[in-house]
Structure formats: C-alpha cells, structure tokens
Protein backbone atom coordinates (compact mmCIF):
# COMPACT_ATOMS: atom_id res chain seq x y z
CA MET A 1 0.00 0.00 0.00
CA ASP A 2 3.08 2.21 -0.03
CA VAL A 3 2.67 3.52 3.52
CA GLU A 4 5.12 3.74 6.39
CA VAL A 5 4.16 1.28 9.14
CA GLU A 6 5.33 1.09 12.74
CA ILE A 7 4.30 -1.52 15.29
CA TYR A 8 4.71 -0.74 18.99
CA PHE A 9 5.01 -3.69 21.36
CA ALA A 10 4.01 -2.94 24.95
CA SER A 11 3.34 -4.93 28.10
CA GLN A 12 3.26 -8.71 27.53
CA ALA A 13 3.44 -8.25 23.75
CA THR A 14 7.13 -7.35 24.10
CA ARG A 15 7.78 -11.04 24.72
CA LEU A 16 7.04 -11.62 21.01
CA LEU A 17 10.31 -9.81 20.32
CA VAL A 18 12.35 -12.37 22.27
CA LYS A 19 14.23 -14.76 19.99
CA GLY A 20 12.31 -18.02 19.64
CA VAL A 21 8.98 -16.92 21.16
CA ALA A 22 7.11 -15.86 18.00
CA GLU A 23 8.63 -18.85 16.17
CA ARG A 24 6.62 -21.19 18.40
CA ILE A 25 3.29 -19.43 17.79
CA HIS A 26 1.13 -20.16 14.76
CA PRO A 27 -1.97 -18.10 13.90
CA SER A 28 -3.77 -21.06 12.37
CA ASP A 29 -4.14 -24.76 13.04
CA ASN A 30 -2.31 -25.81 9.88
CA LYS A 31 0.94 -24.32 11.27
CA ALA A 32 2.12 -23.45 7.78
CA LYS A 33 3.69 -20.20 8.96
CA SER A 34 4.72 -18.94 12.39
CA VAL A 35 4.03 -15.48 13.78
CA TYR A 36 7.77 -14.85 13.47
CA ALA A 37 7.68 -15.69 9.74
CA PHE A 38 4.94 -13.09 9.29
CA MET A 39 7.01 -10.61 11.30
CA GLN A 40 10.01 -11.28 9.04
CA ASP A 41 7.83 -10.72 5.97
CA ALA A 42 6.62 -7.41 7.41
CA ALA A 43 10.15 -6.30 8.31
CA GLY A 44 11.27 -7.17 4.79
CA LEU A 45 8.61 -4.79 3.48
CA GLY A 46 9.90 -2.00 5.71
CA VAL A 47 7.67 -2.31 8.78
CA LYS A 48 9.43 -1.01 11.89
CA PHE A 49 9.06 -2.80 15.23
CA PHE A 50 9.48 -0.83 18.47
CA ALA A 51 9.65 -2.26 21.98
CA CYS A 52 8.53 -0.41 25.10
CA GLY A 53 11.59 0.08 27.30
CA GLY A 54 9.58 -0.17 30.51
CA ALA A 55 8.05 -3.46 29.44
CA LEU A 56 11.45 -4.84 28.47
CA ASP A 57 12.69 -4.03 31.97
CA ALA A 58 9.55 -5.48 33.59
CA TYR A 59 10.02 -8.80 31.77
CA SER A 60 13.84 -8.80 32.10
CA ILE A 61 14.29 -8.72 28.33
CA THR A 62 17.78 -7.63 27.36
CA PRO A 63 18.94 -6.43 23.93
CA SER A 64 20.96 -9.62 23.46
CA ILE A 65 17.79 -11.76 23.30
CA ILE A 66 15.71 -9.50 21.03
CA ILE A 67 15.06 -10.51 17.42
CA PRO A 68 17.10 -8.61 14.81
CA GLU A 69 13.92 -7.27 13.20
CA CYS A 70 13.29 -5.02 16.22
CA THR A 71 14.05 -1.47 15.10
CA GLY A 72 14.53 0.01 18.55
CA ILE A 73 13.11 1.10 21.87
CA ALA A 74 10.17 3.52 21.98
CA GLY A 75 7.89 3.93 24.94
CA GLY A 76 4.37 5.14 25.40
CA ALA A 77 5.24 8.77 24.76
CA SER A 78 6.55 7.92 21.29
CA TYR A 79 3.38 6.02 20.49
CA ILE A 80 1.16 8.83 21.80
CA CYS A 81 3.04 11.33 19.61
CA ARG A 82 2.21 9.23 16.55
CA VAL A 83 -1.43 8.89 17.58
CA MET A 84 -1.78 12.65 18.04
CA ASP A 85 0.04 13.55 14.81
CA ASP A 86 -2.46 14.46 12.07
CA GLU A 87 -0.04 13.08 9.45
CA TRP A 88 -0.33 9.54 10.90
CA LYS A 89 -3.17 7.06 11.16
CA SER A 90 -3.24 4.68 14.13
CA ILE A 91 -4.77 1.26 14.69
CA SER A 92 -4.64 -0.31 18.15
CA TYR A 93 -5.17 -3.94 19.12
C-alpha cells in the first residue's frame, strides 16, 4: 500500500520480540507459517518494530535476546506522539 508502518510492542506483547517466542506461535491450526515468519515478511517490506523500554525491563528482556527485526526502543510517549500527529493514522489492538 506504499505507507510507512510502525508496530509498537508494549506490556506482555514485548515477549514476542524475544528470539524463539514468536517462532513457536502459529496463527492457524495448519501451522504453515509462524508469527515470526509473518514478522520477518513485514520487516522485509519496511515495517518497523518498536519495543517499550519499561516493558522490556519489567520482563527482564535484554537487547541480546531480542530478534534482529526489532528497530529500537520507543515507549508510550513515542506512540502517543504518533497517535496525536495528524499526518499519521493509528490502529490499536
């Protein structure tokens, strides 16, 4: 769709950024593709993944165990800035 996409992982969702976690999760029963495979596809298309620093600390997640597709650390304030920016559209799950 030729749009810039950022995904912010907060709270328990940050655990999806730990190496091996998303590889063990499959969104369908046929297990044809893991959540991590979908994340790799998205990253290959330019999607940026950001992890909440506070959540990383809360779950004792260190940079050494984060997947290489993670773009960086961005907390709630960064996400709120995007939500409030008229140039951006936001979807929350």
